[in-house]
Full PDB file with SEQRES, HELIX, SHEET, SSBOND, CRYST1, ORIGX, SCALE, CONECT and MASTER records, all heavy atoms in Angstrom:
SEQRES   1 A   31  LEU ALA SER ALA LEU VAL VAL VAL ILE ILE TRP SER THR          
SEQRES   2 A   31  SER PHE SER PHE ALA LYS GLU ALA ILE ASP HIS LEU GLY          
SEQRES   3 A   31  PRO TRP LEU PHE ARG                                          
HELIX    1 AA1 ALA A    2  LEU A   25  1                                  24    
HELIX    2 AA2 PRO A   27  PHE A   30  1                                   4    
CRYST1    1.000    1.000    1.000  90.00  90.00  90.00 P 1           1          
ORIGX1      1.000000  0.000000  0.000000        0.00000                         
ORIGX2      0.000000  1.000000  0.000000        0.00000                         
ORIGX3      0.000000  0.000000  1.000000        0.00000                         
SCALE1      1.000000  0.000000  0.000000        0.00000                         
SCALE2      0.000000  1.000000  0.000000        0.00000                         
SCALE3      0.000000  0.000000  1.000000        0.00000                         
ATOM      1  N   LEU A   1      25.240 128.408  53.258  1.00  0.00           N  
ATOM      2  CA  LEU A   1      25.216 129.759  53.820  1.00  0.00           C  
ATOM      3  C   LEU A   1      26.321 129.937  54.852  1.00  0.00           C  
ATOM      4  O   LEU A   1      27.016 130.966  54.867  1.00  0.00           O  
ATOM      5  CB  LEU A   1      23.849 130.028  54.466  1.00  0.00           C  
ATOM      6  CG  LEU A   1      22.665 130.214  53.525  1.00  0.00           C  
ATOM      7  CD1 LEU A   1      21.362 130.237  54.317  1.00  0.00           C  
ATOM      8  CD2 LEU A   1      22.805 131.490  52.718  1.00  0.00           C  
ATOM      9  N   ALA A   2      26.495 128.933  55.720  1.00  0.00           N  
ATOM     10  CA  ALA A   2      27.555 129.003  56.728  1.00  0.00           C  
ATOM     11  C   ALA A   2      28.923 129.064  56.067  1.00  0.00           C  
ATOM     12  O   ALA A   2      29.807 129.809  56.511  1.00  0.00           O  
ATOM     13  CB  ALA A   2      27.464 127.801  57.669  1.00  0.00           C  
ATOM     14  N   SER A   3      29.110 128.299  54.997  1.00  0.00           N  
ATOM     15  CA  SER A   3      30.386 128.313  54.270  1.00  0.00           C  
ATOM     16  C   SER A   3      30.668 129.694  53.709  1.00  0.00           C  
ATOM     17  O   SER A   3      31.787 130.206  53.804  1.00  0.00           O  
ATOM     18  CB  SER A   3      30.357 127.280  53.137  1.00  0.00           C  
ATOM     19  OG  SER A   3      30.201 125.974  53.638  1.00  0.00           O  
ATOM     20  N   ALA A   4      29.635 130.314  53.109  1.00  0.00           N  
ATOM     21  CA  ALA A   4      29.811 131.654  52.536  1.00  0.00           C  
ATOM     22  C   ALA A   4      30.167 132.671  53.613  1.00  0.00           C  
ATOM     23  O   ALA A   4      31.012 133.550  53.402  1.00  0.00           O  
ATOM     24  CB  ALA A   4      28.534 132.082  51.805  1.00  0.00           C  
ATOM     25  N   LEU A   5      29.576 132.553  54.788  1.00  0.00           N  
ATOM     26  CA  LEU A   5      29.857 133.488  55.876  1.00  0.00           C  
ATOM     27  C   LEU A   5      31.282 133.315  56.404  1.00  0.00           C  
ATOM     28  O   LEU A   5      31.956 134.295  56.727  1.00  0.00           O  
ATOM     29  CB  LEU A   5      28.845 133.311  57.009  1.00  0.00           C  
ATOM     30  CG  LEU A   5      27.420 133.768  56.672  1.00  0.00           C  
ATOM     31  CD1 LEU A   5      26.459 133.412  57.807  1.00  0.00           C  
ATOM     32  CD2 LEU A   5      27.376 135.267  56.410  1.00  0.00           C  
ATOM     33  N   VAL A   6      31.766 132.076  56.496  1.00  0.00           N  
ATOM     34  CA  VAL A   6      33.149 131.848  56.921  1.00  0.00           C  
ATOM     35  C   VAL A   6      34.122 132.426  55.887  1.00  0.00           C  
ATOM     36  O   VAL A   6      35.151 133.009  56.239  1.00  0.00           O  
ATOM     37  CB  VAL A   6      33.415 130.345  57.157  1.00  0.00           C  
ATOM     38  CG1 VAL A   6      34.899 130.097  57.463  1.00  0.00           C  
ATOM     39  CG2 VAL A   6      32.565 129.830  58.305  1.00  0.00           C  
ATOM     40  N   VAL A   7      33.795 132.266  54.607  1.00  0.00           N  
ATOM     41  CA  VAL A   7      34.607 132.866  53.545  1.00  0.00           C  
ATOM     42  C   VAL A   7      34.714 134.373  53.740  1.00  0.00           C  
ATOM     43  O   VAL A   7      35.801 134.967  53.627  1.00  0.00           O  
ATOM     44  CB  VAL A   7      33.997 132.543  52.158  1.00  0.00           C  
ATOM     45  CG1 VAL A   7      34.611 133.427  51.081  1.00  0.00           C  
ATOM     46  CG2 VAL A   7      34.198 131.078  51.808  1.00  0.00           C  
ATOM     47  N   VAL A   8      33.592 135.013  54.054  1.00  0.00           N  
ATOM     48  CA  VAL A   8      33.573 136.461  54.270  1.00  0.00           C  
ATOM     49  C   VAL A   8      34.498 136.839  55.425  1.00  0.00           C  
ATOM     50  O   VAL A   8      35.274 137.807  55.335  1.00  0.00           O  
ATOM     51  CB  VAL A   8      32.134 136.934  54.554  1.00  0.00           C  
ATOM     52  CG1 VAL A   8      32.126 138.360  55.093  1.00  0.00           C  
ATOM     53  CG2 VAL A   8      31.291 136.847  53.286  1.00  0.00           C  
ATOM     54  N   ILE A   9      34.443 136.089  56.526  1.00  0.00           N  
ATOM     55  CA  ILE A   9      35.280 136.387  57.697  1.00  0.00           C  
ATOM     56  C   ILE A   9      36.754 136.273  57.343  1.00  0.00           C  
ATOM     57  O   ILE A   9      37.573 137.139  57.695  1.00  0.00           O  
ATOM     58  CB  ILE A   9      34.917 135.449  58.861  1.00  0.00           C  
ATOM     59  CG1 ILE A   9      33.516 135.769  59.372  1.00  0.00           C  
ATOM     60  CG2 ILE A   9      35.934 135.582  60.000  1.00  0.00           C  
ATOM     61  CD1 ILE A   9      32.968 134.763  60.356  1.00  0.00           C  
ATOM     62  N   ILE A  10      37.130 135.217  56.630  1.00  0.00           N  
ATOM     63  CA  ILE A  10      38.544 135.015  56.279  1.00  0.00           C  
ATOM     64  C   ILE A  10      39.019 136.109  55.329  1.00  0.00           C  
ATOM     65  O   ILE A  10      40.082 136.704  55.523  1.00  0.00           O  
ATOM     66  CB  ILE A  10      38.753 133.624  55.658  1.00  0.00           C  
ATOM     67  CG1 ILE A  10      38.499 132.535  56.703  1.00  0.00           C  
ATOM     68  CG2 ILE A  10      40.176 133.485  55.098  1.00  0.00           C  
ATOM     69  CD1 ILE A  10      38.545 131.122  56.146  1.00  0.00           C  
ATOM     70  N   TRP A  11      38.224 136.408  54.294  1.00  0.00           N  
ATOM     71  CA  TRP A  11      38.643 137.428  53.324  1.00  0.00           C  
ATOM     72  C   TRP A  11      38.689 138.821  53.951  1.00  0.00           C  
ATOM     73  O   TRP A  11      39.513 139.645  53.564  1.00  0.00           O  
ATOM     74  CB  TRP A  11      37.721 137.409  52.117  1.00  0.00           C  
ATOM     75  CG  TRP A  11      38.113 136.358  51.112  1.00  0.00           C  
ATOM     76  CD1 TRP A  11      39.336 135.761  50.998  1.00  0.00           C  
ATOM     77  CD2 TRP A  11      37.288 135.788  50.091  1.00  0.00           C  
ATOM     78  NE1 TRP A  11      39.321 134.853  49.967  1.00  0.00           N  
ATOM     79  CE2 TRP A  11      38.080 134.842  49.392  1.00  0.00           C  
ATOM     80  CE3 TRP A  11      35.975 135.986  49.701  1.00  0.00           C  
ATOM     81  CZ2 TRP A  11      37.598 134.100  48.325  1.00  0.00           C  
ATOM     82  CZ3 TRP A  11      35.477 135.243  48.641  1.00  0.00           C  
ATOM     83  CH2 TRP A  11      36.282 134.318  47.953  1.00  0.00           C  
ATOM     84  N   SER A  12      37.833 139.086  54.916  1.00  0.00           N  
ATOM     85  CA  SER A  12      37.816 140.421  55.516  1.00  0.00           C  
ATOM     86  C   SER A  12      38.999 140.669  56.439  1.00  0.00           C  
ATOM     87  O   SER A  12      39.299 141.817  56.771  1.00  0.00           O  
ATOM     88  CB  SER A  12      36.511 140.641  56.292  1.00  0.00           C  
ATOM     89  OG  SER A  12      36.419 139.756  57.388  1.00  0.00           O  
ATOM     90  N   THR A  13      39.691 139.602  56.867  1.00  0.00           N  
ATOM     91  CA  THR A  13      40.849 139.757  57.763  1.00  0.00           C  
ATOM     92  C   THR A  13      42.175 139.417  57.092  1.00  0.00           C  
ATOM     93  O   THR A  13      43.229 139.605  57.699  1.00  0.00           O  
ATOM     94  CB  THR A  13      40.679 138.867  59.004  1.00  0.00           C  
ATOM     95  OG1 THR A  13      40.501 137.500  58.592  1.00  0.00           O  
ATOM     96  CG2 THR A  13      39.467 139.291  59.822  1.00  0.00           C  
ATOM     97  N   SER A  14      42.145 138.927  55.852  1.00  0.00           N  
ATOM     98  CA  SER A  14      43.367 138.412  55.231  1.00  0.00           C  
ATOM     99  C   SER A  14      44.399 139.506  54.974  1.00  0.00           C  
ATOM    100  O   SER A  14      45.609 139.271  55.100  1.00  0.00           O  
ATOM    101  CB  SER A  14      43.034 137.695  53.913  1.00  0.00           C  
ATOM    102  OG  SER A  14      42.419 138.590  53.004  1.00  0.00           O  
ATOM    103  N   PHE A  15      43.937 140.718  54.610  1.00  0.00           N  
ATOM    104  CA  PHE A  15      44.874 141.789  54.293  1.00  0.00           C  
ATOM    105  C   PHE A  15      45.775 142.108  55.481  1.00  0.00           C  
ATOM    106  O   PHE A  15      46.982 142.300  55.337  1.00  0.00           O  
ATOM    107  CB  PHE A  15      44.115 143.044  53.856  1.00  0.00           C  
ATOM    108  CG  PHE A  15      44.999 144.237  53.653  1.00  0.00           C  
ATOM    109  CD1 PHE A  15      45.810 144.337  52.545  1.00  0.00           C  
ATOM    110  CD2 PHE A  15      45.024 145.255  54.585  1.00  0.00           C  
ATOM    111  CE1 PHE A  15      46.639 145.439  52.359  1.00  0.00           C  
ATOM    112  CE2 PHE A  15      45.841 146.363  54.415  1.00  0.00           C  
ATOM    113  CZ  PHE A  15      46.647 146.447  53.296  1.00  0.00           C  
ATOM    114  N   SER A  16      45.197 142.161  56.687  1.00  0.00           N  
ATOM    115  CA  SER A  16      45.967 142.510  57.881  1.00  0.00           C  
ATOM    116  C   SER A  16      47.099 141.528  58.129  1.00  0.00           C  
ATOM    117  O   SER A  16      48.183 141.910  58.564  1.00  0.00           O  
ATOM    118  CB  SER A  16      45.035 142.550  59.097  1.00  0.00           C  
ATOM    119  OG  SER A  16      44.009 143.495  58.917  1.00  0.00           O  
ATOM    120  N   PHE A  17      46.848 140.250  57.862  1.00  0.00           N  
ATOM    121  CA  PHE A  17      47.861 139.235  58.123  1.00  0.00           C  
ATOM    122  C   PHE A  17      48.921 139.166  57.022  1.00  0.00           C  
ATOM    123  O   PHE A  17      50.067 138.818  57.289  1.00  0.00           O  
ATOM    124  CB  PHE A  17      47.194 137.859  58.272  1.00  0.00           C  
ATOM    125  CG  PHE A  17      46.441 137.690  59.545  1.00  0.00           C  
ATOM    126  CD1 PHE A  17      45.077 137.909  59.596  1.00  0.00           C  
ATOM    127  CD2 PHE A  17      47.090 137.319  60.715  1.00  0.00           C  
ATOM    128  CE1 PHE A  17      44.373 137.765  60.782  1.00  0.00           C  
ATOM    129  CE2 PHE A  17      46.402 137.170  61.904  1.00  0.00           C  
ATOM    130  CZ  PHE A  17      45.036 137.386  61.937  1.00  0.00           C  
ATOM    131  N   ALA A  18      48.538 139.491  55.781  1.00  0.00           N  
ATOM    132  CA  ALA A  18      49.450 139.286  54.654  1.00  0.00           C  
ATOM    133  C   ALA A  18      50.295 140.495  54.306  1.00  0.00           C  
ATOM    134  O   ALA A  18      51.405 140.346  53.785  1.00  0.00           O  
ATOM    135  CB  ALA A  18      48.646 138.858  53.417  1.00  0.00           C  
ATOM    136  N   LYS A  19      49.815 141.696  54.586  1.00  0.00           N  
ATOM    137  CA  LYS A  19      50.448 142.906  54.073  1.00  0.00           C  
ATOM    138  C   LYS A  19      51.915 143.018  54.486  1.00  0.00           C  
ATOM    139  O   LYS A  19      52.797 143.293  53.660  1.00  0.00           O  
ATOM    140  CB  LYS A  19      49.657 144.129  54.553  1.00  0.00           C  
ATOM    141  CG  LYS A  19      50.263 145.474  54.150  1.00  0.00           C  
ATOM    142  CD  LYS A  19      50.336 145.641  52.639  1.00  0.00           C  
ATOM    143  CE  LYS A  19      50.863 147.009  52.261  1.00  0.00           C  
ATOM    144  NZ  LYS A  19      51.112 147.113  50.817  1.00  0.00           N  
ATOM    145  N   GLU A  20      52.223 142.826  55.775  1.00  0.00           N  
ATOM    146  CA  GLU A  20      53.597 142.985  56.253  1.00  0.00           C  
ATOM    147  C   GLU A  20      54.527 141.963  55.606  1.00  0.00           C  
ATOM    148  O   GLU A  20      55.657 142.295  55.214  1.00  0.00           O  
ATOM    149  CB  GLU A  20      53.634 142.845  57.773  1.00  0.00           C  
ATOM    150  CG  GLU A  20      55.009 143.097  58.382  1.00  0.00           C  
ATOM    151  CD  GLU A  20      55.014 142.988  59.892  1.00  0.00           C  
ATOM    152  OE1 GLU A  20      53.922 143.054  60.500  1.00  0.00           O  
ATOM    153  OE2 GLU A  20      56.096 142.825  60.470  1.00  0.00           O  
ATOM    154  N   ALA A  21      54.066 140.711  55.471  1.00  0.00           N  
ATOM    155  CA  ALA A  21      54.895 139.671  54.862  1.00  0.00           C  
ATOM    156  C   ALA A  21      55.136 139.955  53.387  1.00  0.00           C  
ATOM    157  O   ALA A  21      56.241 139.732  52.873  1.00  0.00           O  
ATOM    158  CB  ALA A  21      54.237 138.304  55.042  1.00  0.00           C  
ATOM    159  N   ILE A  22      54.131 140.466  52.683  1.00  0.00           N  
ATOM    160  CA  ILE A  22      54.304 140.804  51.268  1.00  0.00           C  
ATOM    161  C   ILE A  22      55.316 141.929  51.121  1.00  0.00           C  
ATOM    162  O   ILE A  22      56.176 141.906  50.228  1.00  0.00           O  
ATOM    163  CB  ILE A  22      52.951 141.189  50.640  1.00  0.00           C  
ATOM    164  CG1 ILE A  22      52.023 139.979  50.590  1.00  0.00           C  
ATOM    165  CG2 ILE A  22      53.143 141.741  49.235  1.00  0.00           C  
ATOM    166  CD1 ILE A  22      50.621 140.306  50.150  1.00  0.00           C  
ATOM    167  N   ASP A  23      55.234 142.926  51.991  1.00  0.00           N  
ATOM    168  CA  ASP A  23      56.187 144.040  51.948  1.00  0.00           C  
ATOM    169  C   ASP A  23      57.615 143.554  52.152  1.00  0.00           C  
ATOM    170  O   ASP A  23      58.555 144.054  51.512  1.00  0.00           O  
ATOM    171  CB  ASP A  23      55.841 145.082  53.016  1.00  0.00           C  
ATOM    172  CG  ASP A  23      54.582 145.862  52.669  1.00  0.00           C  
ATOM    173  OD1 ASP A  23      54.196 145.853  51.482  1.00  0.00           O  
ATOM    174  OD2 ASP A  23      53.987 146.465  53.577  1.00  0.00           O  
ATOM    175  N   HIS A  24      57.811 142.585  53.039  1.00  0.00           N  
ATOM    176  CA  HIS A  24      59.164 142.119  53.361  1.00  0.00           C  
ATOM    177  C   HIS A  24      59.699 141.143  52.315  1.00  0.00           C  
ATOM    178  O   HIS A  24      60.847 141.256  51.866  1.00  0.00           O  
ATOM    179  CB  HIS A  24      59.179 141.446  54.742  1.00  0.00           C  
ATOM    180  CG  HIS A  24      60.511 140.911  55.138  1.00  0.00           C  
ATOM    181  ND1 HIS A  24      60.698 139.621  55.582  1.00  0.00           N  
ATOM    182  CD2 HIS A  24      61.757 141.486  55.125  1.00  0.00           C  
ATOM    183  CE1 HIS A  24      61.985 139.431  55.842  1.00  0.00           C  
ATOM    184  NE2 HIS A  24      62.636 140.539  55.579  1.00  0.00           N  
ATOM    185  N   LEU A  25      58.869 140.178  51.908  1.00  0.00           N  
ATOM    186  CA  LEU A  25      59.336 139.112  51.020  1.00  0.00           C  
ATOM    187  C   LEU A  25      59.187 139.464  49.542  1.00  0.00           C  
ATOM    188  O   LEU A  25      59.864 138.871  48.695  1.00  0.00           O  
ATOM    189  CB  LEU A  25      58.559 137.823  51.294  1.00  0.00           C  
ATOM    190  CG  LEU A  25      58.694 137.231  52.708  1.00  0.00           C  
ATOM    191  CD1 LEU A  25      57.741 136.056  52.876  1.00  0.00           C  
ATOM    192  CD2 LEU A  25      60.135 136.803  52.979  1.00  0.00           C  
ATOM    193  N   GLY A  26      58.314 140.409  49.224  1.00  0.00           N  
ATOM    194  CA  GLY A  26      57.966 140.648  47.831  1.00  0.00           C  
ATOM    195  C   GLY A  26      56.788 139.770  47.461  1.00  0.00           C  
ATOM    196  O   GLY A  26      56.590 138.692  48.036  1.00  0.00           O  
ATOM    197  N   PRO A  27      55.965 140.197  46.507  1.00  0.00           N  
ATOM    198  CA  PRO A  27      54.728 139.469  46.210  1.00  0.00           C  
ATOM    199  C   PRO A  27      54.941 138.056  45.685  1.00  0.00           C  
ATOM    200  O   PRO A  27      54.184 137.149  46.009  1.00  0.00           O  
ATOM    201  CB  PRO A  27      54.034 140.353  45.168  1.00  0.00           C  
ATOM    202  CG  PRO A  27      55.128 141.172  44.560  1.00  0.00           C  
ATOM    203  CD  PRO A  27      56.118 141.401  45.660  1.00  0.00           C  
ATOM    204  N   TRP A  28      55.988 137.845  44.879  1.00  0.00           N  
ATOM    205  CA  TRP A  28      56.104 136.551  44.207  1.00  0.00           C  
ATOM    206  C   TRP A  28      56.708 135.494  45.118  1.00  0.00           C  
ATOM    207  O   TRP A  28      56.288 134.331  45.073  1.00  0.00           O  
ATOM    208  CB  TRP A  28      56.901 136.700  42.917  1.00  0.00           C  
ATOM    209  CG  TRP A  28      56.345 137.788  42.059  1.00  0.00           C  
ATOM    210  CD1 TRP A  28      56.993 138.890  41.596  1.00  0.00           C  
ATOM    211  CD2 TRP A  28      54.986 137.905  41.600  1.00  0.00           C  
ATOM    212  NE1 TRP A  28      56.140 139.687  40.879  1.00  0.00           N  
ATOM    213  CE2 TRP A  28      54.909 139.113  40.859  1.00  0.00           C  
ATOM    214  CE3 TRP A  28      53.847 137.122  41.740  1.00  0.00           C  
ATOM    215  CZ2 TRP A  28      53.728 139.537  40.266  1.00  0.00           C  
ATOM    216  CZ3 TRP A  28      52.667 137.555  41.151  1.00  0.00           C  
ATOM    217  CH2 TRP A  28      52.623 138.742  40.423  1.00  0.00           C  
ATOM    218  N   LEU A  29      57.670 135.871  45.959  1.00  0.00           N  
ATOM    219  CA  LEU A  29      58.195 134.906  46.926  1.00  0.00           C  
ATOM    220  C   LEU A  29      57.123 134.565  47.948  1.00  0.00           C  
ATOM    221  O   LEU A  29      56.950 133.388  48.318  1.00  0.00           O  
ATOM    222  CB  LEU A  29      59.438 135.471  47.613  1.00  0.00           C  
ATOM    223  CG  LEU A  29      60.107 134.543  48.638  1.00  0.00           C  
ATOM    224  CD1 LEU A  29      60.530 133.232  47.996  1.00  0.00           C  
ATOM    225  CD2 LEU A  29      61.309 135.240  49.292  1.00  0.00           C  
ATOM    226  N   PHE A  30      56.393 135.581  48.415  1.00  0.00           N  
ATOM    227  CA  PHE A  30      55.303 135.337  49.359  1.00  0.00           C  
ATOM    228  C   PHE A  30      54.272 134.383  48.748  1.00  0.00           C  
ATOM    229  O   PHE A  30      53.808 133.442  49.402  1.00  0.00           O  
ATOM    230  CB  PHE A  30      54.635 136.650  49.753  1.00  0.00           C  
ATOM    231  CG  PHE A  30      53.425 136.467  50.631  1.00  0.00           C  
ATOM    232  CD1 PHE A  30      53.567 136.351  52.005  1.00  0.00           C  
ATOM    233  CD2 PHE A  30      52.150 136.423  50.091  1.00  0.00           C  
ATOM    234  CE1 PHE A  30      52.456 136.177  52.820  1.00  0.00           C  
ATOM    235  CE2 PHE A  30      51.038 136.242  50.893  1.00  0.00           C  
ATOM    236  CZ  PHE A  30      51.188 136.125  52.263  1.00  0.00           C  
ATOM    237  N   ARG A  31      53.906 134.630  47.489  1.00  0.00           N  
ATOM    238  CA  ARG A  31      52.892 133.787  46.849  1.00  0.00           C  
ATOM    239  C   ARG A  31      53.394 132.365  46.678  1.00  0.00           C  
ATOM    240  O   ARG A  31      52.649 131.410  46.896  1.00  0.00           O  
ATOM    241  CB  ARG A  31      52.501 134.389  45.503  1.00  0.00           C  
ATOM    242  CG  ARG A  31      51.497 133.517  44.753  1.00  0.00           C  
ATOM    243  CD  ARG A  31      50.620 134.333  43.869  1.00  0.00           C  
ATOM    244  NE  ARG A  31      49.699 133.472  43.126  1.00  0.00           N  
ATOM    245  CZ  ARG A  31      48.600 132.943  43.626  1.00  0.00           C  
ATOM    246  NH1 ARG A  31      48.249 133.174  44.867  1.00  0.00           N  
ATOM    247  NH2 ARG A  31      47.814 132.181  42.888  1.00  0.00           N  
TER     248      ARG A  31                                                      
MASTER        0    0    0    2    0    0    0    6  247    1    0    3          
END                                                                             
């Protein structure tokens, strides 16, 4: 249960951290 909750926290904040880098580098270089 704790693992699932940590997963939720990470996934709920990932967009904010990744969006700017994806815009600058492009999706495939970023990936």
